[in-house]
Amino acid sequence: MNRKLIRPDLTEIKEQLQAPPKLYRQRKPIPPEQTNAESFYYLKQMTNKTRMVIHLKDGEQIRGVIEWYDRHALKVHRAGEPNILLLKDNIKYMYKETEEEGQDED
């Protein structure tokens, strides 16, 4: 009786050795440092000339329209008062004037 020698296919063994082990999970990619969401928000409010209410960290409240912004500051146009340049570090939060309690949004 003639016996046939069975040899494993070497390409399969090489692929198994080169493939990363399935025990380790793939890491999620690091999110981008800049999402441009802030820029999009400011541009939208500037083009619509939306009246904003800006609360500062010291409790002061500024009302007006954002004229321009950069990385560190906002320039706010105020009706009947001088324009003001606000450093972003001093801003606690802001919202649209139409979102105040008791007012209906159009």
PDB file of N, CA and C in Angstrom:
ATOM      1  N   MET A   1       0.818  -1.160   0.000  1.00  0.00           N
ATOM      2  CA  MET A   1       0.000   0.000   0.000  1.00  0.00           C
ATOM      3  C   MET A   1       0.878   1.245   0.000  1.00  0.00           C
ATOM      4  N   ASN A   2       0.495   2.148  -0.822  1.00  0.00           N
ATOM      5  CA  ASN A   2       1.240   3.393  -0.935  1.00  0.00           C
ATOM      6  C   ASN A   2       0.620   4.449  -0.024  1.00  0.00           C
ATOM      7  N   ARG A   3       1.423   4.942   0.862  1.00  0.00           N
ATOM      8  CA  ARG A   3       0.920   5.999   1.746  1.00  0.00           C
ATOM      9  C   ARG A   3       1.340   7.356   1.210  1.00  0.00           C
ATOM     10  N   LYS A   4       0.411   8.299   1.322  1.00  0.00           N
ATOM     11  CA  LYS A   4       0.675   9.650   0.838  1.00  0.00           C
ATOM     12  C   LYS A   4       0.983  10.543   2.036  1.00  0.00           C
ATOM     13  N   LEU A   5       2.066  11.261   1.945  1.00  0.00           N
ATOM     14  CA  LEU A   5       2.462  12.159   3.023  1.00  0.00           C
ATOM     15  C   LEU A   5       1.692  13.475   2.876  1.00  0.00           C
ATOM     16  N   ILE A   6       1.034  13.891   3.920  1.00  0.00           N
ATOM     17  CA  ILE A   6       0.269  15.139   3.889  1.00  0.00           C
ATOM     18  C   ILE A   6       1.092  16.205   4.591  1.00  0.00           C
ATOM     19  N   ARG A   7       1.401  17.248   3.867  1.00  0.00           N
ATOM     20  CA  ARG A   7       2.160  18.362   4.426  1.00  0.00           C
ATOM     21  C   ARG A   7       1.244  19.579   4.539  1.00  0.00           C
ATOM     22  N   PRO A   8       1.386  20.320   5.606  1.00  0.00           N
ATOM     23  CA  PRO A   8       0.567  21.542   5.718  1.00  0.00           C
ATOM     24  C   PRO A   8       1.038  22.592   4.719  1.00  0.00           C
ATOM     25  N   ASP A   9       0.107  23.410   4.295  1.00  0.00           N
ATOM     26  CA  ASP A   9       0.419  24.489   3.367  1.00  0.00           C
ATOM     27  C   ASP A   9       1.155  25.587   4.145  1.00  0.00           C
ATOM     28  N   LEU A  10       2.358  25.922   3.720  1.00  0.00           N
ATOM     29  CA  LEU A  10       3.183  26.893   4.443  1.00  0.00           C
ATOM     30  C   LEU A  10       2.623  28.313   4.382  1.00  0.00           C
ATOM     31  N   THR A  11       1.873  28.629   3.328  1.00  0.00           N
ATOM     32  CA  THR A  11       1.318  29.993   3.237  1.00  0.00           C
ATOM     33  C   THR A  11       0.296  30.225   4.341  1.00  0.00           C
ATOM     34  N   GLU A  12      -0.472  29.210   4.707  1.00  0.00           N
ATOM     35  CA  GLU A  12      -1.447  29.373   5.789  1.00  0.00           C
ATOM     36  C   GLU A  12      -0.749  29.627   7.123  1.00  0.00           C
ATOM     37  N   ILE A  13       0.333  28.937   7.358  1.00  0.00           N
ATOM     38  CA  ILE A  13       1.075  29.108   8.600  1.00  0.00           C
ATOM     39  C   ILE A  13       1.686  30.509   8.663  1.00  0.00           C
ATOM     40  N   LYS A  14       2.226  30.983   7.553  1.00  0.00           N
ATOM     41  CA  LYS A  14       2.815  32.327   7.518  1.00  0.00           C
ATOM     42  C   LYS A  14       1.753  33.388   7.795  1.00  0.00           C
ATOM     43  N   GLU A  15       0.556  33.241   7.216  1.00  0.00           N
ATOM     44  CA  GLU A  15      -0.520  34.203   7.434  1.00  0.00           C
ATOM     45  C   GLU A  15      -0.942  34.227   8.896  1.00  0.00           C
ATOM     46  N   GLN A  16      -0.998  33.062   9.523  1.00  0.00           N
ATOM     47  CA  GLN A  16      -1.380  32.993  10.926  1.00  0.00           C
ATOM     48  C   GLN A  16      -0.341  33.676  11.814  1.00  0.00           C
ATOM     49  N   LEU A  17       0.921  33.544  11.473  1.00  0.00           N
ATOM     50  CA  LEU A  17       1.971  34.165  12.269  1.00  0.00           C
ATOM     51  C   LEU A  17       2.018  35.678  12.094  1.00  0.00           C
ATOM     52  N   GLN A  18       1.691  36.153  10.895  1.00  0.00           N
ATOM     53  CA  GLN A  18       1.757  37.583  10.615  1.00  0.00           C
ATOM     54  C   GLN A  18       0.505  38.318  11.084  1.00  0.00           C
ATOM     55  N   ALA A  19      -0.617  37.641  11.189  1.00  0.00           N
ATOM     56  CA  ALA A  19      -1.864  38.285  11.612  1.00  0.00           C
ATOM     57  C   ALA A  19      -1.775  38.658  13.090  1.00  0.00           C
ATOM     58  N   PRO A  20      -2.312  39.836  13.464  1.00  0.00           N
ATOM     59  CA  PRO A  20      -2.281  40.220  14.880  1.00  0.00           C
ATOM     60  C   PRO A  20      -3.186  39.288  15.676  1.00  0.00           C
ATOM     61  N   PRO A  21      -2.815  39.013  16.899  1.00  0.00           N
ATOM     62  CA  PRO A  21      -3.643  38.126  17.711  1.00  0.00           C
ATOM     63  C   PRO A  21      -5.030  38.728  17.931  1.00  0.00           C
ATOM     64  N   LYS A  22      -6.027  37.904  17.943  1.00  0.00           N
ATOM     65  CA  LYS A  22      -7.400  38.376  18.089  1.00  0.00           C
ATOM     66  C   LYS A  22      -7.743  38.692  19.532  1.00  0.00           C
ATOM     67  N   LEU A  23      -6.821  38.408  20.436  1.00  0.00           N
ATOM     68  CA  LEU A  23      -7.076  38.691  21.836  1.00  0.00           C
ATOM     69  C   LEU A  23      -7.078  40.181  22.126  1.00  0.00           C
ATOM     70  N   TYR A  24      -6.322  40.948  21.353  1.00  0.00           N
ATOM     71  CA  TYR A  24      -6.211  42.382  21.570  1.00  0.00           C
ATOM     72  C   TYR A  24      -7.251  43.104  20.734  1.00  0.00           C
ATOM     73  N   ARG A  25      -7.915  44.045  21.355  1.00  0.00           N
ATOM     74  CA  ARG A  25      -8.895  44.846  20.621  1.00  0.00           C
ATOM     75  C   ARG A  25      -8.181  45.960  19.870  1.00  0.00           C
ATOM     76  N   GLN A  26      -8.755  46.312  18.755  1.00  0.00           N
ATOM     77  CA  GLN A  26      -8.229  47.436  17.987  1.00  0.00           C
ATOM     78  C   GLN A  26      -8.548  48.725  18.736  1.00  0.00           C
ATOM     79  N   ARG A  27      -7.604  49.615  18.815  1.00  0.00           N
ATOM     80  CA  ARG A  27      -7.834  50.902  19.463  1.00  0.00           C
ATOM     81  C   ARG A  27      -8.634  51.810  18.552  1.00  0.00           C
ATOM     82  N   LYS A  28      -9.473  52.607  19.176  1.00  0.00           N
ATOM     83  CA  LYS A  28     -10.232  53.592  18.413  1.00  0.00           C
ATOM     84  C   LYS A  28      -9.277  54.699  18.002  1.00  0.00           C
ATOM     85  N   PRO A  29      -9.503  55.272  16.835  1.00  0.00           N
ATOM     86  CA  PRO A  29      -8.622  56.382  16.437  1.00  0.00           C
ATOM     87  C   PRO A  29      -8.817  57.584  17.364  1.00  0.00           C
ATOM     88  N   ILE A  30      -7.765  58.328  17.552  1.00  0.00           N
ATOM     89  CA  ILE A  30      -7.811  59.513  18.402  1.00  0.00           C
ATOM     90  C   ILE A  30      -8.669  60.567  17.704  1.00  0.00           C
ATOM     91  N   PRO A  31      -9.620  61.185  18.416  1.00  0.00           N
ATOM     92  CA  PRO A  31     -10.460  62.191  17.769  1.00  0.00           C
ATOM     93  C   PRO A  31      -9.635  63.407  17.351  1.00  0.00           C
ATOM     94  N   PRO A  32     -10.085  64.113  16.329  1.00  0.00           N
ATOM     95  CA  PRO A  32      -9.324  65.284  15.883  1.00  0.00           C
ATOM     96  C   PRO A  32      -9.286  66.352  16.967  1.00  0.00           C
ATOM     97  N   GLU A  33      -8.186  67.098  16.981  1.00  0.00           N
ATOM     98  CA  GLU A  33      -8.026  68.134  17.998  1.00  0.00           C
ATOM     99  C   GLU A  33      -9.004  69.284  17.764  1.00  0.00           C
ATOM    100  N   GLN A  34      -9.298  69.570  16.514  1.00  0.00           N
ATOM    101  CA  GLN A  34     -10.189  70.671  16.163  1.00  0.00           C
ATOM    102  C   GLN A  34     -11.366  70.118  15.366  1.00  0.00           C
ATOM    103  N   THR A  35     -12.589  70.298  15.877  1.00  0.00           N
ATOM    104  CA  THR A  35     -13.776  69.798  15.169  1.00  0.00           C
ATOM    105  C   THR A  35     -14.464  70.891  14.356  1.00  0.00           C
ATOM    106  N   ASN A  36     -14.103  72.130  14.578  1.00  0.00           N
ATOM    107  CA  ASN A  36     -14.676  73.294  13.901  1.00  0.00           C
ATOM    108  C   ASN A  36     -16.126  73.545  14.286  1.00  0.00           C
ATOM    109  N   ALA A  37     -16.647  72.894  15.309  1.00  0.00           N
ATOM    110  CA  ALA A  37     -18.016  73.129  15.760  1.00  0.00           C
ATOM    111  C   ALA A  37     -18.167  74.549  16.303  1.00  0.00           C
ATOM    112  N   GLU A  38     -17.169  75.013  17.045  1.00  0.00           N
ATOM    113  CA  GLU A  38     -17.223  76.365  17.601  1.00  0.00           C
ATOM    114  C   GLU A  38     -17.246  77.399  16.484  1.00  0.00           C
ATOM    115  N   SER A  39     -16.397  77.231  15.491  1.00  0.00           N
ATOM    116  CA  SER A  39     -16.355  78.162  14.358  1.00  0.00           C
ATOM    117  C   SER A  39     -17.681  78.158  13.615  1.00  0.00           C
ATOM    118  N   PHE A  40     -18.249  76.977  13.402  1.00  0.00           N
ATOM    119  CA  PHE A  40     -19.534  76.877  12.705  1.00  0.00           C
ATOM    120  C   PHE A  40     -20.615  77.626  13.475  1.00  0.00           C
ATOM    121  N   TYR A  41     -20.641  77.471  14.801  1.00  0.00           N
ATOM    122  CA  TYR A  41     -21.645  78.134  15.631  1.00  0.00           C
ATOM    123  C   TYR A  41     -21.503  79.653  15.538  1.00  0.00           C
ATOM    124  N   TYR A  42     -20.279  80.152  15.707  1.00  0.00           N
ATOM    125  CA  TYR A  42     -20.070  81.603  15.641  1.00  0.00           C
ATOM    126  C   TYR A  42     -20.429  82.157  14.266  1.00  0.00           C
ATOM    127  N   LEU A  43     -20.022  81.474  13.213  1.00  0.00           N
ATOM    128  CA  LEU A  43     -20.342  81.953  11.856  1.00  0.00           C
ATOM    129  C   LEU A  43     -21.843  82.005  11.622  1.00  0.00           C
ATOM    130  N   LYS A  44     -22.554  81.003  12.092  1.00  0.00           N
ATOM    131  CA  LYS A  44     -24.007  80.972  11.928  1.00  0.00           C
ATOM    132  C   LYS A  44     -24.654  82.151  12.659  1.00  0.00           C
ATOM    133  N   GLN A  45     -24.216  82.414  13.900  1.00  0.00           N
ATOM    134  CA  GLN A  45     -24.790  83.522  14.665  1.00  0.00           C
ATOM    135  C   GLN A  45     -24.418  84.869  14.048  1.00  0.00           C
ATOM    136  N   MET A  46     -23.219  84.978  13.491  1.00  0.00           N
ATOM    137  CA  MET A  46     -22.787  86.231  12.861  1.00  0.00           C
ATOM    138  C   MET A  46     -23.579  86.509  11.592  1.00  0.00           C
ATOM    139  N   THR A  47     -23.744  85.501  10.740  1.00  0.00           N
ATOM    140  CA  THR A  47     -24.462  85.722   9.476  1.00  0.00           C
ATOM    141  C   THR A  47     -25.939  86.010   9.707  1.00  0.00           C
ATOM    142  N   ASN A  48     -26.542  85.389  10.732  1.00  0.00           N
ATOM    143  CA  ASN A  48     -27.952  85.645  11.043  1.00  0.00           C
ATOM    144  C   ASN A  48     -28.146  86.888  11.906  1.00  0.00           C
ATOM    145  N   LYS A  49     -27.035  87.480  12.378  1.00  0.00           N
ATOM    146  CA  LYS A  49     -27.059  88.640  13.282  1.00  0.00           C
ATOM    147  C   LYS A  49     -27.958  88.356  14.486  1.00  0.00           C
ATOM    148  N   THR A  50     -27.755  87.192  15.062  1.00  0.00           N
ATOM    149  CA  THR A  50     -28.537  86.749  16.216  1.00  0.00           C
ATOM    150  C   THR A  50     -28.127  87.519  17.455  1.00  0.00           C
ATOM    151  N   ARG A  51     -29.119  88.055  18.178  1.00  0.00           N
ATOM    152  CA  ARG A  51     -28.822  88.731  19.441  1.00  0.00           C
ATOM    153  C   ARG A  51     -28.515  87.673  20.480  1.00  0.00           C
ATOM    154  N   MET A  52     -27.372  87.841  21.145  1.00  0.00           N
ATOM    155  CA  MET A  52     -26.878  86.864  22.104  1.00  0.00           C
ATOM    156  C   MET A  52     -26.847  87.462  23.513  1.00  0.00           C
ATOM    157  N   VAL A  53     -26.975  86.592  24.508  1.00  0.00           N
ATOM    158  CA  VAL A  53     -26.777  86.969  25.901  1.00  0.00           C
ATOM    159  C   VAL A  53     -25.536  86.208  26.358  1.00  0.00           C
ATOM    160  N   ILE A  54     -24.540  86.954  26.814  1.00  0.00           N
ATOM    161  CA  ILE A  54     -23.263  86.360  27.213  1.00  0.00           C
ATOM    162  C   ILE A  54     -23.073  86.613  28.707  1.00  0.00           C
ATOM    163  N   HIS A  55     -22.968  85.536  29.475  1.00  0.00           N
ATOM    164  CA  HIS A  55     -22.730  85.635  30.912  1.00  0.00           C
ATOM    165  C   HIS A  55     -21.239  85.464  31.167  1.00  0.00           C
ATOM    166  N   LEU A  56     -20.672  86.421  31.885  1.00  0.00           N
ATOM    167  CA  LEU A  56     -19.255  86.369  32.216  1.00  0.00           C
ATOM    168  C   LEU A  56     -19.053  85.672  33.554  1.00  0.00           C
ATOM    169  N   LYS A  57     -17.836  85.255  33.823  1.00  0.00           N
ATOM    170  CA  LYS A  57     -17.512  84.544  35.066  1.00  0.00           C
ATOM    171  C   LYS A  57     -17.735  85.406  36.305  1.00  0.00           C
ATOM    172  N   ASP A  58     -17.633  86.739  36.162  1.00  0.00           N
ATOM    173  CA  ASP A  58     -17.830  87.622  37.312  1.00  0.00           C
ATOM    174  C   ASP A  58     -19.305  87.956  37.552  1.00  0.00           C
ATOM    175  N   GLY A  59     -20.219  87.373  36.762  1.00  0.00           N
ATOM    176  CA  GLY A  59     -21.650  87.586  36.957  1.00  0.00           C
ATOM    177  C   GLY A  59     -22.249  88.634  36.037  1.00  0.00           C
ATOM    178  N   GLU A  60     -21.415  89.393  35.336  1.00  0.00           N
ATOM    179  CA  GLU A  60     -21.926  90.419  34.427  1.00  0.00           C
ATOM    180  C   GLU A  60     -22.572  89.759  33.210  1.00  0.00           C
ATOM    181  N   GLN A  61     -23.558  90.476  32.646  1.00  0.00           N
ATOM    182  CA  GLN A  61     -24.288  89.976  31.493  1.00  0.00           C
ATOM    183  C   GLN A  61     -24.122  90.958  30.334  1.00  0.00           C
ATOM    184  N   ILE A  62     -23.716  90.464  29.177  1.00  0.00           N
ATOM    185  CA  ILE A  62     -23.526  91.298  27.994  1.00  0.00           C
ATOM    186  C   ILE A  62     -24.549  90.858  26.943  1.00  0.00           C
ATOM    187  N   ARG A  63     -25.217  91.828  26.324  1.00  0.00           N
ATOM    188  CA  ARG A  63     -26.180  91.530  25.269  1.00  0.00           C
ATOM    189  C   ARG A  63     -25.748  92.225  23.992  1.00  0.00           C
ATOM    190  N   GLY A  64     -25.799  91.489  22.894  1.00  0.00           N
ATOM    191  CA  GLY A  64     -25.428  92.085  21.617  1.00  0.00           C
ATOM    192  C   GLY A  64     -25.267  91.033  20.543  1.00  0.00           C
ATOM    193  N   VAL A  65     -24.747  91.484  19.402  1.00  0.00           N
ATOM    194  CA  VAL A  65     -24.540  90.629  18.231  1.00  0.00           C
ATOM    195  C   VAL A  65     -23.037  90.412  18.059  1.00  0.00           C
ATOM    196  N   ILE A  66     -22.643  89.176  17.815  1.00  0.00           N
ATOM    197  CA  ILE A  66     -21.225  88.870  17.609  1.00  0.00           C
ATOM    198  C   ILE A  66     -20.811  89.409  16.241  1.00  0.00           C
ATOM    199  N   GLU A  67     -19.809  90.305  16.228  1.00  0.00           N
ATOM    200  CA  GLU A  67     -19.313  90.880  14.971  1.00  0.00           C
ATOM    201  C   GLU A  67     -18.221  90.008  14.375  1.00  0.00           C
ATOM    202  N   TRP A  68     -17.260  89.600  15.193  1.00  0.00           N
ATOM    203  CA  TRP A  68     -16.194  88.703  14.741  1.00  0.00           C
ATOM    204  C   TRP A  68     -15.618  87.975  15.933  1.00  0.00           C
ATOM    205  N   TYR A  69     -14.836  86.966  15.632  1.00  0.00           N
ATOM    206  CA  TYR A  69     -14.213  86.166  16.681  1.00  0.00           C
ATOM    207  C   TYR A  69     -12.850  85.709  16.194  1.00  0.00           C
ATOM    208  N   ASP A  70     -12.014  85.333  17.121  1.00  0.00           N
ATOM    209  CA  ASP A  70     -10.765  84.650  16.779  1.00  0.00           C
ATOM    210  C   ASP A  70     -10.530  83.592  17.849  1.00  0.00           C
ATOM    211  N   ARG A  71      -9.343  83.107  17.924  1.00  0.00           N
ATOM    212  CA  ARG A  71      -9.037  82.000  18.824  1.00  0.00           C
ATOM    213  C   ARG A  71      -9.257  82.358  20.301  1.00  0.00           C
ATOM    214  N   HIS A  72      -9.044  83.629  20.654  1.00  0.00           N
ATOM    215  CA  HIS A  72      -9.067  84.016  22.060  1.00  0.00           C
ATOM    216  C   HIS A  72     -10.127  85.043  22.432  1.00  0.00           C
ATOM    217  N   ALA A  73     -10.836  85.625  21.454  1.00  0.00           N
ATOM    218  CA  ALA A  73     -11.727  86.737  21.786  1.00  0.00           C
ATOM    219  C   ALA A  73     -12.960  86.788  20.884  1.00  0.00           C
ATOM    220  N   LEU A  74     -13.978  87.518  21.363  1.00  0.00           N
ATOM    221  CA  LEU A  74     -15.190  87.828  20.602  1.00  0.00           C
ATOM    222  C   LEU A  74     -15.378  89.336  20.609  1.00  0.00           C
ATOM    223  N   LYS A  75     -15.811  89.890  19.496  1.00  0.00           N
ATOM    224  CA  LYS A  75     -16.186  91.299  19.467  1.00  0.00           C
ATOM    225  C   LYS A  75     -17.702  91.343  19.380  1.00  0.00           C
ATOM    226  N   VAL A  76     -18.317  92.013  20.348  1.00  0.00           N
ATOM    227  CA  VAL A  76     -19.775  92.067  20.439  1.00  0.00           C
ATOM    228  C   VAL A  76     -20.240  93.491  20.166  1.00  0.00           C
ATOM    229  N   HIS A  77     -21.171  93.622  19.218  1.00  0.00           N
ATOM    230  CA  HIS A  77     -21.785  94.918  18.896  1.00  0.00           C
ATOM    231  C   HIS A  77     -23.007  95.075  19.789  1.00  0.00           C
ATOM    232  N   ARG A  78     -23.027  96.169  20.563  1.00  0.00           N
ATOM    233  CA  ARG A  78     -24.142  96.413  21.482  1.00  0.00           C
ATOM    234  C   ARG A  78     -24.880  97.663  21.039  1.00  0.00           C
ATOM    235  N   ALA A  79     -26.195  97.584  20.980  1.00  0.00           N
ATOM    236  CA  ALA A  79     -27.026  98.730  20.585  1.00  0.00           C
ATOM    237  C   ALA A  79     -27.068  99.739  21.731  1.00  0.00           C
ATOM    238  N   GLY A  80     -26.760 100.992  21.422  1.00  0.00           N
ATOM    239  CA  GLY A  80     -26.810 102.056  22.422  1.00  0.00           C
ATOM    240  C   GLY A  80     -25.636 102.071  23.389  1.00  0.00           C
ATOM    241  N   GLU A  81     -24.727 101.145  23.255  1.00  0.00           N
ATOM    242  CA  GLU A  81     -23.533 101.081  24.109  1.00  0.00           C
ATOM    243  C   GLU A  81     -22.332 100.841  23.212  1.00  0.00           C
ATOM    244  N   PRO A  82     -21.130 101.133  23.712  1.00  0.00           N
ATOM    245  CA  PRO A  82     -19.948 100.871  22.880  1.00  0.00           C
ATOM    246  C   PRO A  82     -19.744  99.373  22.647  1.00  0.00           C
ATOM    247  N   ASN A  83     -19.157  99.057  21.491  1.00  0.00           N
ATOM    248  CA  ASN A  83     -18.805  97.661  21.206  1.00  0.00           C
ATOM    249  C   ASN A  83     -17.792  97.193  22.239  1.00  0.00           C
ATOM    250  N   ILE A  84     -17.738  95.882  22.435  1.00  0.00           N
ATOM    251  CA  ILE A  84     -16.857  95.362  23.471  1.00  0.00           C
ATOM    252  C   ILE A  84     -16.104  94.142  22.942  1.00  0.00           C
ATOM    253  N   LEU A  85     -14.854  94.045  23.352  1.00  0.00           N
ATOM    254  CA  LEU A  85     -14.021  92.899  23.013  1.00  0.00           C
ATOM    255  C   LEU A  85     -13.924  92.024  24.258  1.00  0.00           C
ATOM    256  N   LEU A  86     -14.442  90.790  24.157  1.00  0.00           N
ATOM    257  CA  LEU A  86     -14.455  89.878  25.292  1.00  0.00           C
ATOM    258  C   LEU A  86     -13.448  88.762  25.082  1.00  0.00           C
ATOM    259  N   LEU A  87     -12.632  88.519  26.080  1.00  0.00           N
ATOM    260  CA  LEU A  87     -11.752  87.365  26.027  1.00  0.00           C
ATOM    261  C   LEU A  87     -12.578  86.120  26.333  1.00  0.00           C
ATOM    262  N   LYS A  88     -12.382  85.065  25.555  1.00  0.00           N
ATOM    263  CA  LYS A  88     -13.169  83.841  25.734  1.00  0.00           C
ATOM    264  C   LYS A  88     -12.963  83.225  27.108  1.00  0.00           C
ATOM    265  N   ASP A  89     -11.802  83.431  27.709  1.00  0.00           N
ATOM    266  CA  ASP A  89     -11.530  82.886  29.038  1.00  0.00           C
ATOM    267  C   ASP A  89     -12.474  83.463  30.096  1.00  0.00           C
ATOM    268  N   ASN A  90     -13.003  84.668  29.848  1.00  0.00           N
ATOM    269  CA  ASN A  90     -13.884  85.318  30.821  1.00  0.00           C
ATOM    270  C   ASN A  90     -15.355  84.962  30.630  1.00  0.00           C
ATOM    271  N   ILE A  91     -15.679  84.226  29.571  1.00  0.00           N
ATOM    272  CA  ILE A  91     -17.072  83.875  29.283  1.00  0.00           C
ATOM    273  C   ILE A  91     -17.431  82.579  30.005  1.00  0.00           C
ATOM    274  N   LYS A  92     -18.515  82.643  30.769  1.00  0.00           N
ATOM    275  CA  LYS A  92     -18.997  81.454  31.474  1.00  0.00           C
ATOM    276  C   LYS A  92     -19.880  80.624  30.530  1.00  0.00           C
ATOM    277  N   TYR A  93     -20.888  81.288  29.913  1.00  0.00           N
ATOM    278  CA  TYR A  93     -21.742  80.645  28.917  1.00  0.00           C
ATOM    279  C   TYR A  93     -22.477  81.705  28.131  1.00  0.00           C
ATOM    280  N   MET A  94     -23.107  81.291  27.031  1.00  0.00           N
ATOM    281  CA  MET A  94     -23.877  82.216  26.209  1.00  0.00           C
ATOM    282  C   MET A  94     -25.044  81.477  25.586  1.00  0.00           C
ATOM    283  N   TYR A  95     -26.058  82.247  25.199  1.00  0.00           N
ATOM    284  CA  TYR A  95     -27.222  81.674  24.526  1.00  0.00           C
ATOM    285  C   TYR A  95     -27.899  82.762  23.707  1.00  0.00           C
ATOM    286  N   LYS A  96     -28.811  82.320  22.839  1.00  0.00           N
ATOM    287  CA  LYS A  96     -29.556  83.280  22.024  1.00  0.00           C
ATOM    288  C   LYS A  96     -30.547  84.020  22.917  1.00  0.00           C
ATOM    289  N   GLU A  97     -30.742  85.292  22.632  1.00  0.00           N
ATOM    290  CA  GLU A  97     -31.655  86.104  23.430  1.00  0.00           C
ATOM    291  C   GLU A  97     -33.081  85.565  23.351  1.00  0.00           C
ATOM    292  N   THR A  98     -33.450  84.949  22.243  1.00  0.00           N
ATOM    293  CA  THR A  98     -34.804  84.405  22.077  1.00  0.00           C
ATOM    294  C   THR A  98     -35.031  83.168  22.939  1.00  0.00           C
ATOM    295  N   GLU A  99     -33.986  82.582  23.503  1.00  0.00           N
ATOM    296  CA  GLU A  99     -34.113  81.380  24.326  1.00  0.00           C
ATOM    297  C   GLU A  99     -34.307  81.689  25.814  1.00  0.00           C
ATOM    298  N   GLU A 100     -34.453  82.970  26.140  1.00  0.00           N
ATOM    299  CA  GLU A 100     -34.666  83.346  27.547  1.00  0.00           C
ATOM    300  C   GLU A 100     -36.023  82.854  28.003  1.00  0.00           C
ATOM    301  N   GLU A 101     -36.126  82.615  29.310  1.00  0.00           N
ATOM    302  CA  GLU A 101     -37.376  82.134  29.871  1.00  0.00           C
ATOM    303  C   GLU A 101     -38.506  83.145  29.618  1.00  0.00           C
ATOM    304  N   GLY A 102     -39.676  82.615  29.271  1.00  0.00           N
ATOM    305  CA  GLY A 102     -40.831  83.482  29.074  1.00  0.00           C
ATOM    306  C   GLY A 102     -40.978  84.033  27.686  1.00  0.00           C
ATOM    307  N   GLN A 103     -40.024  83.820  26.809  1.00  0.00           N
ATOM    308  CA  GLN A 103     -40.117  84.306  25.436  1.00  0.00           C
ATOM    309  C   GLN A 103     -40.365  83.140  24.516  1.00  0.00           C
ATOM    310  N   ASP A 104     -41.205  83.343  23.518  1.00  0.00           N
ATOM    311  CA  ASP A 104     -41.451  82.314  22.512  1.00  0.00           C
ATOM    312  C   ASP A 104     -40.455  82.465  21.395  1.00  0.00           C
ATOM    313  N   GLU A 105     -39.961  81.319  20.915  1.00  0.00           N
ATOM    314  CA  GLU A 105     -38.996  81.342  19.818  1.00  0.00           C
ATOM    315  C   GLU A 105     -39.759  81.369  18.500  1.00  0.00           C
ATOM    316  N   ASP A 106     -39.342  82.216  17.570  1.00  0.00           N
ATOM    317  CA  ASP A 106     -40.009  82.320  16.264  1.00  0.00           C
ATOM    318  C   ASP A 106     -39.630  81.195  15.354  1.00  0.00           C
TER     319      ASP A 106
END
